[in-house]
Amino acid sequence: MTKTATLRLVHDYPPAHPPKVAHVNIQHVLESIKRREVDVGTWINVIGHVERPQDSSSAVCVQAVAVWDAGNVDLDAYQKAVRRREDADGI
């Protein structure tokens, strides 16, 4: 039986910047996580505690307390929302 696992979540948006990476420790949700939620390319929602990275990487580390399938994500709408947010924040 698996006792611990870490998901490496990557989103390469915007393309001109380095990809955003999150290392999500799913140890506490292993018994409830579904196979489709860890398939490559699946969009998931994660609630958890952000932790200090153990190395000097720019990756975000999260201790998950809940993980569930995000359903069908409209990628164009998502990316437009990110652009609007960045424009509003002056990023």
C-alpha atoms as a PDB file:
ATOM      1  CA  MET A   1       0.000   0.000   0.000  1.00  0.00           C
ATOM      2  CA  THR A   2       1.266   3.460  -0.884  1.00  0.00           C
ATOM      3  CA  LYS A   3       1.915   5.589   2.196  1.00  0.00           C
ATOM      4  CA  THR A   4       2.771   8.900   0.525  1.00  0.00           C
ATOM      5  CA  ALA A   5       2.765  10.552  -2.885  1.00  0.00           C
ATOM      6  CA  THR A   6       3.479  13.934  -4.400  1.00  0.00           C
ATOM      7  CA  LEU A   7       1.833  15.357  -7.493  1.00  0.00           C
ATOM      8  CA  ARG A   8       3.886  17.706  -9.654  1.00  0.00           C
ATOM      9  CA  LEU A   9       1.445  20.177 -11.163  1.00  0.00           C
ATOM     10  CA  VAL A  10       2.673  22.360 -14.027  1.00  0.00           C
ATOM     11  CA  HIS A  11       0.983  25.092 -16.023  1.00  0.00           C
ATOM     12  CA  ASP A  12       2.951  26.767 -18.786  1.00  0.00           C
ATOM     13  CA  TYR A  13       1.092  30.069 -18.942  1.00  0.00           C
ATOM     14  CA  PRO A  14       1.908  32.696 -19.964  1.00  0.00           C
ATOM     15  CA  PRO A  15       4.257  31.058 -22.466  1.00  0.00           C
ATOM     16  CA  ALA A  16       6.875  33.848 -22.257  1.00  0.00           C
ATOM     17  CA  HIS A  17       7.474  33.060 -18.558  1.00  0.00           C
ATOM     18  CA  PRO A  18       8.894  29.923 -16.909  1.00  0.00           C
ATOM     19  CA  PRO A  19       6.175  27.332 -16.149  1.00  0.00           C
ATOM     20  CA  LYS A  20       4.422  27.565 -12.770  1.00  0.00           C
ATOM     21  CA  VAL A  21       5.116  24.431 -10.709  1.00  0.00           C
ATOM     22  CA  ALA A  22       3.432  23.142  -7.560  1.00  0.00           C
ATOM     23  CA  HIS A  23       4.487  20.058  -5.632  1.00  0.00           C
ATOM     24  CA  VAL A  24       1.360  18.764  -3.914  1.00  0.00           C
ATOM     25  CA  ASN A  25       1.821  16.213  -1.142  1.00  0.00           C
ATOM     26  CA  ILE A  26      -1.330  14.043  -1.221  1.00  0.00           C
ATOM     27  CA  GLN A  27      -0.455  11.813   1.735  1.00  0.00           C
ATOM     28  CA  HIS A  28      -3.545  12.846   3.728  1.00  0.00           C
ATOM     29  CA  VAL A  29      -5.964  12.242   0.840  1.00  0.00           C
ATOM     30  CA  LEU A  30      -4.532   9.028  -0.610  1.00  0.00           C
ATOM     31  CA  GLU A  31      -7.484   6.921   0.518  1.00  0.00           C
ATOM     32  CA  SER A  32     -10.039   9.211  -1.143  1.00  0.00           C
ATOM     33  CA  ILE A  33      -8.250  10.305  -4.316  1.00  0.00           C
ATOM     34  CA  LYS A  34      -9.543   8.840  -7.566  1.00  0.00           C
ATOM     35  CA  ARG A  35      -7.383   7.532 -10.402  1.00  0.00           C
ATOM     36  CA  ARG A  36      -8.765  10.080 -12.913  1.00  0.00           C
ATOM     37  CA  GLU A  37      -7.695  12.911 -10.581  1.00  0.00           C
ATOM     38  CA  VAL A  38      -4.029  11.986 -11.011  1.00  0.00           C
ATOM     39  CA  ASP A  39      -4.037  11.282 -14.764  1.00  0.00           C
ATOM     40  CA  VAL A  40      -1.684  13.441 -16.821  1.00  0.00           C
ATOM     41  CA  GLY A  41      -3.537  16.444 -18.228  1.00  0.00           C
ATOM     42  CA  THR A  42      -6.351  16.386 -15.669  1.00  0.00           C
ATOM     43  CA  TRP A  43      -7.286  19.711 -14.091  1.00  0.00           C
ATOM     44  CA  ILE A  44      -7.867  19.401 -10.350  1.00  0.00           C
ATOM     45  CA  ASN A  45      -8.821  21.638  -7.447  1.00  0.00           C
ATOM     46  CA  VAL A  46      -6.573  21.493  -4.396  1.00  0.00           C
ATOM     47  CA  ILE A  47      -7.131  22.867  -0.920  1.00  0.00           C
ATOM     48  CA  GLY A  48      -4.185  22.675   1.413  1.00  0.00           C
ATOM     49  CA  HIS A  49      -1.462  24.345   3.393  1.00  0.00           C
ATOM     50  CA  VAL A  50       1.282  26.132   1.477  1.00  0.00           C
ATOM     51  CA  GLU A  51       4.640  25.090   2.876  1.00  0.00           C
ATOM     52  CA  ARG A  52       8.149  26.451   2.605  1.00  0.00           C
ATOM     53  CA  PRO A  53      10.064  24.735  -0.251  1.00  0.00           C
ATOM     54  CA  GLN A  54      12.680  22.263   0.943  1.00  0.00           C
ATOM     55  CA  ASP A  55      15.120  23.479  -1.716  1.00  0.00           C
ATOM     56  CA  SER A  56      15.836  26.774  -3.428  1.00  0.00           C
ATOM     57  CA  SER A  57      13.467  26.117  -6.367  1.00  0.00           C
ATOM     58  CA  SER A  58      10.656  28.494  -7.190  1.00  0.00           C
ATOM     59  CA  ALA A  59       8.098  25.687  -6.949  1.00  0.00           C
ATOM     60  CA  VAL A  60       5.206  26.046  -4.521  1.00  0.00           C
ATOM     61  CA  CYS A  61       4.828  23.198  -2.000  1.00  0.00           C
ATOM     62  CA  VAL A  62       1.355  22.297  -0.769  1.00  0.00           C
ATOM     63  CA  GLN A  63       0.166  19.764   1.821  1.00  0.00           C
ATOM     64  CA  ALA A  64      -3.224  18.801   0.369  1.00  0.00           C
ATOM     65  CA  VAL A  65      -6.242  18.335   2.612  1.00  0.00           C
ATOM     66  CA  ALA A  66      -8.734  18.014  -0.280  1.00  0.00           C
ATOM     67  CA  VAL A  67      -8.385  17.200  -3.973  1.00  0.00           C
ATOM     68  CA  TRP A  68     -11.170  16.872  -6.546  1.00  0.00           C
ATOM     69  CA  ASP A  69     -11.646  16.902 -10.305  1.00  0.00           C
ATOM     70  CA  ALA A  70     -12.102  20.415 -11.737  1.00  0.00           C
ATOM     71  CA  GLY A  71     -14.334  19.111 -14.516  1.00  0.00           C
ATOM     72  CA  ASN A  72     -14.169  20.571 -18.002  1.00  0.00           C
ATOM     73  CA  VAL A  73     -12.011  23.686 -17.844  1.00  0.00           C
ATOM     74  CA  ASP A  74     -12.411  26.254 -20.614  1.00  0.00           C
ATOM     75  CA  LEU A  75      -8.702  26.944 -21.098  1.00  0.00           C
ATOM     76  CA  ASP A  76      -9.248  30.063 -23.252  1.00  0.00           C
ATOM     77  CA  ALA A  77     -11.549  31.620 -20.637  1.00  0.00           C
ATOM     78  CA  TYR A  78      -9.084  30.719 -17.878  1.00  0.00           C
ATOM     79  CA  GLN A  79      -6.138  32.312 -19.691  1.00  0.00           C
ATOM     80  CA  LYS A  80      -8.159  35.457 -20.485  1.00  0.00           C
ATOM     81  CA  ALA A  81      -9.083  35.754 -16.798  1.00  0.00           C
ATOM     82  CA  VAL A  82      -5.407  35.424 -15.824  1.00  0.00           C
ATOM     83  CA  ARG A  83      -4.461  38.162 -18.319  1.00  0.00           C
ATOM     84  CA  ARG A  84      -7.200  40.479 -16.989  1.00  0.00           C
ATOM     85  CA  ARG A  85      -6.063  39.854 -13.409  1.00  0.00           C
ATOM     86  CA  GLU A  86      -2.438  40.575 -14.290  1.00  0.00           C
ATOM     87  CA  ASP A  87      -3.447  43.753 -16.138  1.00  0.00           C
ATOM     88  CA  ALA A  88      -5.526  44.929 -13.160  1.00  0.00           C
ATOM     89  CA  ASP A  89      -2.661  44.201 -10.745  1.00  0.00           C
ATOM     90  CA  GLY A  90      -0.076  45.827 -13.024  1.00  0.00           C
ATOM     91  CA  ILE A  91       1.990  42.637 -13.262  1.00  0.00           C
END
